[in-house]
C-alpha atoms as a PDB file:
ATOM      1  CA  MET A   1     -15.638 -32.954 -21.043  1.00  0.00           C
ATOM      2  CA  SER A   2     -13.573 -36.531 -21.548  1.00  0.00           C
ATOM      3  CA  PRO A   3      -9.965 -36.849 -19.431  1.00  0.00           C
ATOM      4  CA  SER A   4      -8.245 -36.624 -22.754  1.00  0.00           C
ATOM      5  CA  SER A   5      -9.517 -33.444 -23.532  1.00  0.00           C
ATOM      6  CA  SER A   6      -8.590 -31.642 -20.389  1.00  0.00           C
ATOM      7  CA  PRO A   7      -5.088 -31.372 -21.192  1.00  0.00           C
ATOM      8  CA  ARG A   8      -5.565 -29.653 -24.443  1.00  0.00           C
ATOM      9  CA  VAL A   9      -7.985 -27.277 -22.843  1.00  0.00           C
ATOM     10  CA  LEU A  10      -5.671 -26.331 -20.091  1.00  0.00           C
ATOM     11  CA  ARG A  11      -2.647 -25.633 -22.934  1.00  0.00           C
ATOM     12  CA  ARG A  12      -5.398 -23.652 -24.662  1.00  0.00           C
ATOM     13  CA  VAL A  13      -5.758 -21.737 -21.511  1.00  0.00           C
ATOM     14  CA  VAL A  14      -2.144 -21.416 -20.888  1.00  0.00           C
ATOM     15  CA  ASP A  15      -1.372 -20.440 -24.358  1.00  0.00           C
ATOM     16  CA  TRP A  16      -3.621 -17.613 -23.948  1.00  0.00           C
ATOM     17  CA  LEU A  17      -1.818 -16.116 -21.113  1.00  0.00           C
ATOM     18  CA  PRO A  18       0.737 -13.270 -21.944  1.00  0.00           C
ATOM     19  CA  ALA A  19       4.510 -14.204 -22.768  1.00  0.00           C
ATOM     20  CA  HIS A  20       5.200 -10.660 -22.612  1.00  0.00           C
ATOM     21  CA  VAL A  21       3.905  -7.852 -20.255  1.00  0.00           C
ATOM     22  CA  ASP A  22       0.973  -6.728 -22.076  1.00  0.00           C
ATOM     23  CA  ARG A  23      -2.034  -4.511 -21.950  1.00  0.00           C
ATOM     24  CA  ARG A  24      -4.298  -7.113 -19.991  1.00  0.00           C
ATOM     25  CA  LEU A  25      -1.401  -7.704 -17.433  1.00  0.00           C
ATOM     26  CA  ARG A  26      -1.147  -3.755 -17.075  1.00  0.00           C
ATOM     27  CA  VAL A  27      -4.948  -3.453 -16.642  1.00  0.00           C
ATOM     28  CA  PHE A  28      -5.063  -5.874 -13.907  1.00  0.00           C
ATOM     29  CA  ALA A  29      -1.923  -4.572 -12.323  1.00  0.00           C
ATOM     30  CA  TRP A  30      -3.133  -1.106 -12.274  1.00  0.00           C
ATOM     31  CA  LEU A  31      -6.672  -2.471 -10.858  1.00  0.00           C
ATOM     32  CA  SER A  32      -5.034  -3.941  -8.032  1.00  0.00           C
ATOM     33  CA  PHE A  33      -3.096  -1.366  -7.160  1.00  0.00           C
ATOM     34  CA  LEU A  34      -6.216   1.104  -6.962  1.00  0.00           C
ATOM     35  CA  ALA A  35      -8.225  -1.538  -4.897  1.00  0.00           C
ATOM     36  CA  GLU A  36      -5.503  -1.789  -2.414  1.00  0.00           C
ATOM     37  CA  VAL A  37      -5.525   1.871  -2.099  1.00  0.00           C
ATOM     38  CA  LEU A  38      -9.602   2.115  -2.125  1.00  0.00           C
ATOM     39  CA  ILE A  39      -9.850  -0.601   0.637  1.00  0.00           C
ATOM     40  CA  ILE A  40      -7.642   1.574   2.817  1.00  0.00           C
ATOM     41  CA  GLY A  41     -10.258   4.166   1.998  1.00  0.00           C
ATOM     42  CA  THR A  42     -13.120   2.097   2.829  1.00  0.00           C
ATOM     43  CA  GLY A  43     -11.267   0.351   5.925  1.00  0.00           C
ATOM     44  CA  GLY A  44     -10.981   4.197   7.034  1.00  0.00           C
ATOM     45  CA  ALA A  45     -14.785   4.726   6.591  1.00  0.00           C
ATOM     46  CA  VAL A  46     -15.673   1.977   8.644  1.00  0.00           C
ATOM     47  CA  ARG A  47     -13.668   3.128  11.488  1.00  0.00           C
ATOM     48  CA  LEU A  48     -14.357   6.665  11.061  1.00  0.00           C
ATOM     49  CA  THR A  49     -18.390   6.213  10.757  1.00  0.00           C
ATOM     50  CA  GLY A  50     -18.493   3.990  13.987  1.00  0.00           C
ATOM     51  CA  SER A  51     -19.226   0.633  11.801  1.00  0.00           C
ATOM     52  CA  GLY A  52     -16.452  -1.365  13.093  1.00  0.00           C
ATOM     53  CA  LEU A  53     -18.731  -3.350  14.378  1.00  0.00           C
ATOM     54  CA  GLY A  54     -21.589  -3.179  11.949  1.00  0.00           C
ATOM     55  CA  CYS A  55     -20.962  -6.909  11.223  1.00  0.00           C
ATOM     56  CA  PRO A  56     -20.501  -8.130  15.134  1.00  0.00           C
ATOM     57  CA  THR A  57     -19.342 -11.584  14.014  1.00  0.00           C
ATOM     58  CA  TRP A  58     -16.474 -13.037  11.710  1.00  0.00           C
ATOM     59  CA  PRO A  59     -17.088 -14.832   9.239  1.00  0.00           C
ATOM     60  CA  ARG A  60     -20.244 -14.240   9.240  1.00  0.00           C
ATOM     61  CA  CYS A  61     -22.039 -10.839   9.144  1.00  0.00           C
ATOM     62  CA  THR A  62     -24.255 -12.123  12.332  1.00  0.00           C
ATOM     63  CA  PRO A  63     -24.583 -15.449  13.777  1.00  0.00           C
ATOM     64  CA  ASP A  64     -27.364 -16.143  11.561  1.00  0.00           C
ATOM     65  CA  SER A  65     -26.439 -14.325   8.396  1.00  0.00           C
ATOM     66  CA  LEU A  66     -23.523 -14.396   6.082  1.00  0.00           C
ATOM     67  CA  VAL A  67     -24.920 -10.697   5.033  1.00  0.00           C
ATOM     68  CA  ASN A  68     -26.036  -7.906   6.611  1.00  0.00           C
ATOM     69  CA  THR A  69     -29.602  -7.224   7.868  1.00  0.00           C
ATOM     70  CA  PRO A  70     -32.053  -4.384   7.391  1.00  0.00           C
ATOM     71  CA  GLU A  71     -31.998  -4.184  11.374  1.00  0.00           C
ATOM     72  CA  MET A  72     -28.358  -3.595  11.163  1.00  0.00           C
ATOM     73  CA  GLY A  73     -28.834  -0.216   9.411  1.00  0.00           C
ATOM     74  CA  ILE A  74     -25.930   1.996   7.984  1.00  0.00           C
ATOM     75  CA  HIS A  75     -23.424   0.354  10.203  1.00  0.00           C
ATOM     76  CA  GLY A  76     -23.946  -2.983   8.894  1.00  0.00           C
ATOM     77  CA  ILE A  77     -23.979  -1.766   5.138  1.00  0.00           C
ATOM     78  CA  ILE A  78     -20.549   0.137   5.452  1.00  0.00           C
ATOM     79  CA  GLU A  79     -18.932  -2.758   7.332  1.00  0.00           C
ATOM     80  CA  PHE A  80     -20.001  -5.871   4.854  1.00  0.00           C
ATOM     81  CA  GLY A  81     -19.522  -3.363   1.778  1.00  0.00           C
ATOM     82  CA  ASN A  82     -15.849  -3.388   3.057  1.00  0.00           C
ATOM     83  CA  ARG A  83     -15.967  -6.904   3.578  1.00  0.00           C
ATOM     84  CA  THR A  84     -17.274  -7.480  -0.012  1.00  0.00           C
ATOM     85  CA  LEU A  85     -14.458  -5.431  -1.360  1.00  0.00           C
ATOM     86  CA  THR A  86     -11.927  -7.817   0.404  1.00  0.00           C
ATOM     87  CA  GLY A  87     -13.331 -10.199  -2.105  1.00  0.00           C
ATOM     88  CA  VAL A  88     -12.667  -8.243  -5.258  1.00  0.00           C
ATOM     89  CA  VAL A  89      -9.187  -7.464  -4.222  1.00  0.00           C
ATOM     90  CA  GLY A  90      -8.441 -10.991  -3.680  1.00  0.00           C
ATOM     91  CA  ILE A  91     -10.005 -11.777  -7.206  1.00  0.00           C
ATOM     92  CA  LEU A  92      -7.673  -9.102  -9.051  1.00  0.00           C
ATOM     93  CA  ALA A  93      -4.742 -10.182  -7.211  1.00  0.00           C
ATOM     94  CA  LEU A  94      -5.385 -13.714  -8.237  1.00  0.00           C
ATOM     95  CA  ALA A  95      -5.699 -12.378 -11.704  1.00  0.00           C
ATOM     96  CA  VAL A  96      -2.562 -11.064 -11.803  1.00  0.00           C
ATOM     97  CA  VAL A  97      -1.054 -13.910 -10.574  1.00  0.00           C
ATOM     98  CA  VAL A  98      -2.396 -16.106 -13.201  1.00  0.00           C
ATOM     99  CA  LEU A  99      -1.549 -13.510 -15.717  1.00  0.00           C
ATOM    100  CA  MET A 100       2.075 -13.653 -14.668  1.00  0.00           C
ATOM    101  CA  TRP A 101       2.409 -17.563 -14.974  1.00  0.00           C
ATOM    102  CA  ARG A 102       4.036 -17.805 -18.592  1.00  0.00           C
ATOM    103  CA  LEU A 103       6.206 -15.021 -17.300  1.00  0.00           C
ATOM    104  CA  ARG A 104       6.901 -16.427 -13.786  1.00  0.00           C
ATOM    105  CA  ARG A 105      10.458 -17.447 -14.791  1.00  0.00           C
ATOM    106  CA  GLU A 106      11.607 -14.396 -16.892  1.00  0.00           C
ATOM    107  CA  ARG A 107      10.016 -12.129 -14.714  1.00  0.00           C
ATOM    108  CA  ARG A 108      10.442 -13.882 -11.288  1.00  0.00           C
ATOM    109  CA  THR A 109      10.708 -11.001  -8.885  1.00  0.00           C
ATOM    110  CA  MET A 110       7.215  -9.574 -10.458  1.00  0.00           C
ATOM    111  CA  PHE A 111       5.730 -13.273  -9.818  1.00  0.00           C
ATOM    112  CA  VAL A 112       6.676 -13.212  -6.376  1.00  0.00           C
ATOM    113  CA  LEU A 113       5.558 -10.094  -5.591  1.00  0.00           C
ATOM    114  CA  ALA A 114       2.688 -10.813  -7.052  1.00  0.00           C
ATOM    115  CA  LEU A 115       2.054 -14.067  -4.721  1.00  0.00           C
ATOM    116  CA  VAL A 116       3.127 -11.697  -1.940  1.00  0.00           C
ATOM    117  CA  VAL A 117      -0.351  -9.670  -2.402  1.00  0.00           C
ATOM    118  CA  LEU A 118      -2.520 -12.532  -3.007  1.00  0.00           C
ATOM    119  CA  GLY A 119      -1.168 -14.205  -0.049  1.00  0.00           C
ATOM    120  CA  GLY A 120      -1.138 -10.947   2.195  1.00  0.00           C
ATOM    121  CA  ILE A 121      -5.068 -10.514   0.872  1.00  0.00           C
ATOM    122  CA  VAL A 122      -5.791 -13.843   2.735  1.00  0.00           C
ATOM    123  CA  ALA A 123      -3.979 -12.918   5.564  1.00  0.00           C
ATOM    124  CA  GLN A 124      -5.554  -9.856   6.098  1.00  0.00           C
ATOM    125  CA  ALA A 125      -8.976 -10.931   5.887  1.00  0.00           C
ATOM    126  CA  VAL A 126      -8.133 -13.268   9.229  1.00  0.00           C
ATOM    127  CA  VAL A 127      -6.196 -10.204  10.613  1.00  0.00           C
ATOM    128  CA  GLY A 128      -9.724  -8.421   9.868  1.00  0.00           C
ATOM    129  CA  GLY A 129     -11.837 -11.201  11.604  1.00  0.00           C
ATOM    130  CA  ILE A 130      -9.584 -11.220  14.706  1.00  0.00           C
ATOM    131  CA  THR A 131     -10.188  -7.302  14.907  1.00  0.00           C
ATOM    132  CA  VAL A 132     -13.626  -7.931  15.033  1.00  0.00           C
ATOM    133  CA  LEU A 133     -13.637 -10.725  17.800  1.00  0.00           C
ATOM    134  CA  THR A 134     -11.375  -8.366  19.686  1.00  0.00           C
ATOM    135  CA  GLY A 135     -13.746  -5.644  20.238  1.00  0.00           C
ATOM    136  CA  LEU A 136     -11.317  -3.646  17.907  1.00  0.00           C
ATOM    137  CA  ASN A 137      -8.417  -3.761  19.534  1.00  0.00           C
ATOM    138  CA  PRO A 138      -6.520  -0.702  18.779  1.00  0.00           C
ATOM    139  CA  PHE A 139      -3.172  -2.165  18.550  1.00  0.00           C
ATOM    140  CA  ILE A 140      -4.810  -4.961  15.910  1.00  0.00           C
ATOM    141  CA  VAL A 141      -6.377  -2.453  13.974  1.00  0.00           C
ATOM    142  CA  GLY A 142      -3.467  -0.445  13.651  1.00  0.00           C
ATOM    143  CA  PHE A 143      -1.443  -3.767  12.428  1.00  0.00           C
ATOM    144  CA  HIS A 144      -4.448  -4.497  10.221  1.00  0.00           C
ATOM    145  CA  TYR A 145      -3.589  -0.970   8.783  1.00  0.00           C
ATOM    146  CA  LEU A 146      -0.217  -1.165   8.792  1.00  0.00           C
ATOM    147  CA  ALA A 147      -0.619  -4.493   6.849  1.00  0.00           C
ATOM    148  CA  SER A 148      -2.702  -2.726   4.140  1.00  0.00           C
ATOM    149  CA  VAL A 149       0.035  -0.098   3.391  1.00  0.00           C
ATOM    150  CA  VAL A 150       2.620  -2.936   2.747  1.00  0.00           C
ATOM    151  CA  LEU A 151       0.374  -4.602   0.273  1.00  0.00           C
ATOM    152  CA  VAL A 152       0.206  -1.194  -1.619  1.00  0.00           C
ATOM    153  CA  THR A 153       3.908  -0.921  -1.654  1.00  0.00           C
ATOM    154  CA  VAL A 154       4.315  -4.218  -3.241  1.00  0.00           C
ATOM    155  CA  CYS A 155       1.765  -3.316  -5.620  1.00  0.00           C
ATOM    156  CA  ALA A 156       3.354  -0.175  -6.269  1.00  0.00           C
ATOM    157  CA  ALA A 157       6.941  -2.506  -6.724  1.00  0.00           C
ATOM    158  CA  PHE A 158       5.319  -4.447  -9.317  1.00  0.00           C
ATOM    159  CA  LEU A 159       3.853  -1.822 -11.122  1.00  0.00           C
ATOM    160  CA  THR A 160       7.461  -0.144 -11.277  1.00  0.00           C
ATOM    161  CA  LEU A 161       9.202  -3.388 -12.273  1.00  0.00           C
ATOM    162  CA  MET A 162       6.142  -4.008 -14.899  1.00  0.00           C
ATOM    163  CA  TYR A 163       7.449  -0.772 -17.035  1.00  0.00           C
ATOM    164  CA  LEU A 164      11.208  -1.912 -16.997  1.00  0.00           C
ATOM    165  CA  PRO A 165      12.699  -4.573 -19.023  1.00  0.00           C
ATOM    166  CA  ALA A 166      13.877  -7.624 -17.512  1.00  0.00           C
ATOM    167  CA  GLY A 167      17.304  -8.463 -16.723  1.00  0.00           C
ATOM    168  CA  PRO A 168      20.217  -7.312 -14.645  1.00  0.00           C
ATOM    169  CA  ARG A 169      19.820  -4.073 -12.774  1.00  0.00           C
ATOM    170  CA  GLU A 170      22.428  -1.438 -11.852  1.00  0.00           C
ATOM    171  CA  ARG A 171      22.573   1.287  -9.298  1.00  0.00           C
ATOM    172  CA  VAL A 172      22.283   4.269 -11.356  1.00  0.00           C
ATOM    173  CA  VAL A 173      22.866   7.105  -8.434  1.00  0.00           C
ATOM    174  CA  PRO A 174      25.690   7.507  -6.221  1.00  0.00           C
ATOM    175  CA  THR A 175      26.229   5.488  -3.175  1.00  0.00           C
ATOM    176  CA  TRP A 176      25.687   8.272  -0.909  1.00  0.00           C
ATOM    177  CA  PHE A 177      22.458   9.416  -2.595  1.00  0.00           C
ATOM    178  CA  ALA A 178      21.247   5.771  -2.521  1.00  0.00           C
ATOM    179  CA  GLY A 179      22.110   5.927   1.311  1.00  0.00           C
ATOM    180  CA  LEU A 180      20.156   9.317   1.825  1.00  0.00           C
ATOM    181  CA  VAL A 181      16.964   7.418   0.276  1.00  0.00           C
ATOM    182  CA  HIS A 182      17.283   4.614   2.189  1.00  0.00           C
ATOM    183  CA  ALA A 183      17.470   6.640   5.345  1.00  0.00           C
ATOM    184  CA  THR A 184      14.354   8.945   4.030  1.00  0.00           C
ATOM    185  CA  THR A 185      12.466   5.562   3.818  1.00  0.00           C
ATOM    186  CA  ALA A 186      13.115   4.614   7.143  1.00  0.00           C
ATOM    187  CA  VAL A 187      11.967   7.914   8.611  1.00  0.00           C
ATOM    188  CA  LEU A 188       8.757   7.477   6.534  1.00  0.00           C
ATOM    189  CA  ALA A 189       8.005   4.168   7.992  1.00  0.00           C
ATOM    190  CA  LEU A 190       8.622   5.606  11.626  1.00  0.00           C
ATOM    191  CA  THR A 191       6.521   8.451  10.667  1.00  0.00           C
ATOM    192  CA  ILE A 192       3.190   5.916   9.648  1.00  0.00           C
ATOM    193  CA  VAL A 193       4.065   3.886  12.863  1.00  0.00           C
ATOM    194  CA  PHE A 194       3.778   6.825  15.042  1.00  0.00           C
ATOM    195  CA  GLY A 195       0.625   7.833  13.031  1.00  0.00           C
ATOM    196  CA  VAL A 196      -1.058   4.673  13.846  1.00  0.00           C
ATOM    197  CA  LEU A 197      -0.433   4.872  17.255  1.00  0.00           C
ATOM    198  CA  THR A 198      -1.630   8.463  17.241  1.00  0.00           C
ATOM    199  CA  THR A 199      -4.837   7.526  15.982  1.00  0.00           C
ATOM    200  CA  GLY A 200      -5.017   4.619  18.156  1.00  0.00           C
ATOM    201  CA  ALA A 201      -5.191   7.009  21.110  1.00  0.00           C
ATOM    202  CA  GLY A 202      -7.541   9.384  19.499  1.00  0.00           C
ATOM    203  CA  PRO A 203     -11.220   9.520  19.650  1.00  0.00           C
ATOM    204  CA  HIS A 204     -12.106   7.291  16.441  1.00  0.00           C
ATOM    205  CA  SER A 205     -12.410   3.807  18.020  1.00  0.00           C
ATOM    206  CA  GLY A 206     -14.527   2.553  15.341  1.00  0.00           C
ATOM    207  CA  ASP A 207     -17.861   1.813  17.375  1.00  0.00           C
ATOM    208  CA  ALA A 208     -19.595   4.321  19.674  1.00  0.00           C
ATOM    209  CA  ALA A 209     -19.543   1.292  22.238  1.00  0.00           C
ATOM    210  CA  ALA A 210     -16.162   0.203  22.026  1.00  0.00           C
ATOM    211  CA  VAL A 211     -14.207   3.026  23.419  1.00  0.00           C
ATOM    212  CA  GLN A 212     -10.823   0.821  24.270  1.00  0.00           C
ATOM    213  CA  ARG A 213      -7.776   2.997  23.110  1.00  0.00           C
ATOM    214  CA  ASN A 214      -4.199   2.132  23.012  1.00  0.00           C
ATOM    215  CA  GLY A 215      -3.456   3.894  26.446  1.00  0.00           C
ATOM    216  CA  PHE A 216      -1.035   6.544  25.292  1.00  0.00           C
ATOM    217  CA  ASP A 217      -1.389  10.303  25.499  1.00  0.00           C
ATOM    218  CA  ALA A 218      -2.728  11.493  22.091  1.00  0.00           C
ATOM    219  CA  GLU A 219      -1.789  14.955  22.396  1.00  0.00           C
ATOM    220  CA  VAL A 220       1.827  14.240  23.208  1.00  0.00           C
ATOM    221  CA  LEU A 221       1.663  11.764  20.283  1.00  0.00           C
ATOM    222  CA  GLU A 222       0.733  14.383  18.092  1.00  0.00           C
ATOM    223  CA  HIS A 223       3.766  15.979  18.487  1.00  0.00           C
ATOM    224  CA  VAL A 224       5.766  12.967  18.368  1.00  0.00           C
ATOM    225  CA  HIS A 225       4.249  11.920  15.247  1.00  0.00           C
ATOM    226  CA  ALA A 226       4.975  15.325  13.687  1.00  0.00           C
ATOM    227  CA  TRP A 227       8.534  15.410  14.484  1.00  0.00           C
ATOM    228  CA  PRO A 228       9.942  12.440  11.672  1.00  0.00           C
ATOM    229  CA  GLY A 229       6.826  13.687   9.531  1.00  0.00           C
ATOM    230  CA  TYR A 230       8.727  17.349   9.037  1.00  0.00           C
ATOM    231  CA  ALA A 231      12.127  15.559   9.195  1.00  0.00           C
ATOM    232  CA  LEU A 232      10.942  13.309   6.457  1.00  0.00           C
ATOM    233  CA  PHE A 233       9.643  16.251   4.425  1.00  0.00           C
ATOM    234  CA  VAL A 234      13.116  18.085   4.814  1.00  0.00           C
ATOM    235  CA  LEU A 235      15.260  14.915   3.817  1.00  0.00           C
ATOM    236  CA  THR A 236      12.609  14.544   0.480  1.00  0.00           C
ATOM    237  CA  LEU A 237      13.425  18.131  -0.351  1.00  0.00           C
ATOM    238  CA  VAL A 238      16.782  17.561   0.139  1.00  0.00           C
ATOM    239  CA  ILE A 239      16.905  14.587  -2.266  1.00  0.00           C
ATOM    240  CA  VAL A 240      14.793  16.667  -4.759  1.00  0.00           C
ATOM    241  CA  VAL A 241      17.366  19.458  -4.989  1.00  0.00           C
ATOM    242  CA  LEU A 242      20.150  16.991  -5.291  1.00  0.00           C
ATOM    243  CA  ALA A 243      18.619  14.811  -7.708  1.00  0.00           C
ATOM    244  CA  TRP A 244      17.777  17.850 -10.284  1.00  0.00           C
ATOM    245  CA  ARG A 245      21.203  19.125  -9.819  1.00  0.00           C
ATOM    246  CA  GLN A 246      22.897  15.677 -10.398  1.00  0.00           C
ATOM    247  CA  ARG A 247      20.344  15.397 -13.215  1.00  0.00           C
ATOM    248  CA  LEU A 248      19.610  11.897 -11.646  1.00  0.00           C
ATOM    249  CA  ALA A 249      16.932   9.629 -13.183  1.00  0.00           C
ATOM    250  CA  VAL A 250      14.966   9.537 -10.035  1.00  0.00           C
ATOM    251  CA  ARG A 251      14.340  13.118  -9.779  1.00  0.00           C
ATOM    252  CA  ARG A 252      10.961  13.231 -11.370  1.00  0.00           C
ATOM    253  CA  TRP A 253       9.692  10.609  -8.777  1.00  0.00           C
ATOM    254  CA  ALA A 254      11.496  12.158  -6.190  1.00  0.00           C
ATOM    255  CA  THR A 255       9.302  15.352  -7.033  1.00  0.00           C
ATOM    256  CA  ALA A 256       6.128  13.592  -7.106  1.00  0.00           C
ATOM    257  CA  LEU A 257       7.151  12.128  -3.474  1.00  0.00           C
ATOM    258  CA  LEU A 258       7.649  15.679  -2.156  1.00  0.00           C
ATOM    259  CA  ALA A 259       4.375  16.752  -3.713  1.00  0.00           C
ATOM    260  CA  VAL A 260       2.118  13.821  -1.901  1.00  0.00           C
ATOM    261  CA  GLU A 261       4.205  14.896   1.294  1.00  0.00           C
ATOM    262  CA  LEU A 262       3.044  18.462   1.089  1.00  0.00           C
ATOM    263  CA  VAL A 263      -0.480  17.550   0.505  1.00  0.00           C
ATOM    264  CA  GLN A 264      -0.314  15.083   3.453  1.00  0.00           C
ATOM    265  CA  ILE A 265       1.216  17.662   5.405  1.00  0.00           C
ATOM    266  CA  ALA A 266      -1.243  20.089   4.739  1.00  0.00           C
ATOM    267  CA  VAL A 267      -4.253  17.490   5.713  1.00  0.00           C
ATOM    268  CA  GLY A 268      -2.384  16.605   8.935  1.00  0.00           C
ATOM    269  CA  LEU A 269      -2.283  20.258  10.006  1.00  0.00           C
ATOM    270  CA  TYR A 270      -5.755  20.711   9.151  1.00  0.00           C
ATOM    271  CA  GLN A 271      -7.315  17.888  11.215  1.00  0.00           C
ATOM    272  CA  ALA A 272      -5.074  18.567  14.204  1.00  0.00           C
ATOM    273  CA  ARG A 273      -6.513  21.912  14.120  1.00  0.00           C
ATOM    274  CA  ASN A 274      -9.816  21.244  13.697  1.00  0.00           C
ATOM    275  CA  GLY A 275     -10.608  18.366  16.142  1.00  0.00           C
ATOM    276  CA  LEU A 276      -9.831  15.497  13.649  1.00  0.00           C
ATOM    277  CA  PRO A 277     -12.772  15.570  11.349  1.00  0.00           C
ATOM    278  CA  GLU A 278     -13.771  11.952  10.156  1.00  0.00           C
ATOM    279  CA  LEU A 279     -13.249  13.173   6.619  1.00  0.00           C
ATOM    280  CA  ALA A 280      -9.860  14.604   6.900  1.00  0.00           C
ATOM    281  CA  VAL A 281      -8.753  11.502   9.175  1.00  0.00           C
ATOM    282  CA  GLY A 282      -9.467   9.234   6.243  1.00  0.00           C
ATOM    283  CA  VAL A 283      -7.882  11.236   3.855  1.00  0.00           C
ATOM    284  CA  HIS A 284      -4.843  11.578   5.786  1.00  0.00           C
ATOM    285  CA  MET A 285      -4.793   7.800   5.820  1.00  0.00           C
ATOM    286  CA  VAL A 286      -5.185   7.238   2.094  1.00  0.00           C
ATOM    287  CA  LEU A 287      -2.414   9.911   1.525  1.00  0.00           C
ATOM    288  CA  ALA A 288       0.295   7.542   4.014  1.00  0.00           C
ATOM    289  CA  ALA A 289      -0.348   4.762   1.482  1.00  0.00           C
ATOM    290  CA  LEU A 290       0.336   6.897  -1.409  1.00  0.00           C
ATOM    291  CA  THR A 291       3.314   8.276  -0.138  1.00  0.00           C
ATOM    292  CA  ALA A 292       4.655   4.655   0.945  1.00  0.00           C
ATOM    293  CA  ALA A 293       3.789   3.761  -2.817  1.00  0.00           C
ATOM    294  CA  ALA A 294       5.625   6.819  -4.046  1.00  0.00           C
ATOM    295  CA  MET A 295       8.593   6.199  -1.567  1.00  0.00           C
ATOM    296  CA  THR A 296       8.808   2.730  -2.795  1.00  0.00           C
ATOM    297  CA  VAL A 297       9.076   3.707  -7.044  1.00  0.00           C
ATOM    298  CA  VAL A 298      11.633   6.126  -5.519  1.00  0.00           C
ATOM    299  CA  VAL A 299      13.917   3.337  -4.258  1.00  0.00           C
ATOM    300  CA  LEU A 300      13.420   0.985  -7.106  1.00  0.00           C
ATOM    301  CA  ARG A 301      14.425   3.980  -9.592  1.00  0.00           C
ATOM    302  CA  LEU A 302      17.755   3.943  -7.822  1.00  0.00           C
ATOM    303  CA  LYS A 303      18.609   1.003 -10.008  1.00  0.00           C
ATOM    304  CA  ALA A 304      17.771   0.453 -14.000  1.00  0.00           C
ATOM    305  CA  PRO A 305      18.066  -2.420 -16.427  1.00  0.00           C
ATOM    306  CA  LEU A 306      21.524  -2.420 -18.050  1.00  0.00           C
ATOM    307  CA  ALA A 307      19.787  -2.545 -21.178  1.00  0.00           C
ATOM    308  CA  VAL A 308      18.405   0.935 -20.607  1.00  0.00           C
ATOM    309  CA  VAL A 309      21.290   2.838 -18.804  1.00  0.00           C
ATOM    310  CA  ARG A 310      22.119   5.813 -20.666  1.00  0.00           C
ATOM    311  CA  PRO A 311      25.860   7.195 -21.057  1.00  0.00           C
ATOM    312  CA  ALA A 312      25.192   9.979 -18.541  1.00  0.00           C
ATOM    313  CA  GLU A 313      23.987   7.445 -16.180  1.00  0.00           C
ATOM    314  CA  ARG A 314      26.786   5.055 -17.179  1.00  0.00           C
ATOM    315  CA  ASP A 315      29.256   7.641 -16.068  1.00  0.00           C
ATOM    316  CA  VAL A 316      27.542   7.575 -12.619  1.00  0.00           C
ATOM    317  CA  VAL A 317      27.771   3.479 -12.453  1.00  0.00           C
ATOM    318  CA  GLU A 318      31.494   3.723 -13.444  1.00  0.00           C
ATOM    319  CA  ALA A 319      31.974   6.197 -10.688  1.00  0.00           C
ATOM    320  CA  VAL A 320      30.103   4.399  -8.142  1.00  0.00           C
ATOM    321  CA  ARG A 321      32.493   1.364  -9.074  1.00  0.00           C
ATOM    322  CA  ARG A 322      35.352   3.323  -8.425  1.00  0.00           C
END
């Protein structure tokens, strides 16, 4: 290819990219979100099957091999599979950034969110390596999980904005209701953090030989973790009731959030009363991320683009202004 033809090829590639939110962007955005959730599940599988040091070194799987070897058995397969999925997640995130290129000015917030996801995945790969090199330090493992939850929420924010028109946004709920939602979000964050500390004090260290725990009393933390969890449920129930009584636009997503929380509570009670079975703990981890994603949608739906604000919602906006 001659140097003079390179700009023309680049221009064709840029012209092929979406000039508006189209099916290509929607498909890859959803795949990126699902991959972020899936890697939490596979990361949980690594920990819960004792495969955390299935690949004992990083970035190689062994000092002499980039991939797992037959001698490493099932633990090597599980750990290397999770590492491989990181590459898939990164490719999907990069695809979303590329597909957003022509929209980077019109949809600046979405473009920034796409960059955050891509950068976060790179950072997560490094944190994963530190986790292995520190022998599965429970605090680093916990941070690794929390960062993954944050990336899921960023993907959820991207998906939410993707289905809304561009332009200025206006709050379409009363101020007191928005405050209640934000307070509930803080309680959710507290619940997840205490959940991570509880898991870090429990029996699932990630490797049979790596038994280091965070030093907290797991039984006490189970109760401490449950308190904000129940507060979260009550607050969400209040939000749902008020949203439906006020006929707020956010009511359906608030209901979806409540449904996820109910499932999460059921799984949490089951695992606590049955000796923390591995599958239940893994499901609980994934559901926590989905709860955070649903809460992200609820928060973003407190505002709507001015172009789609309905008359009833406009009355709410005017009331808020007064």
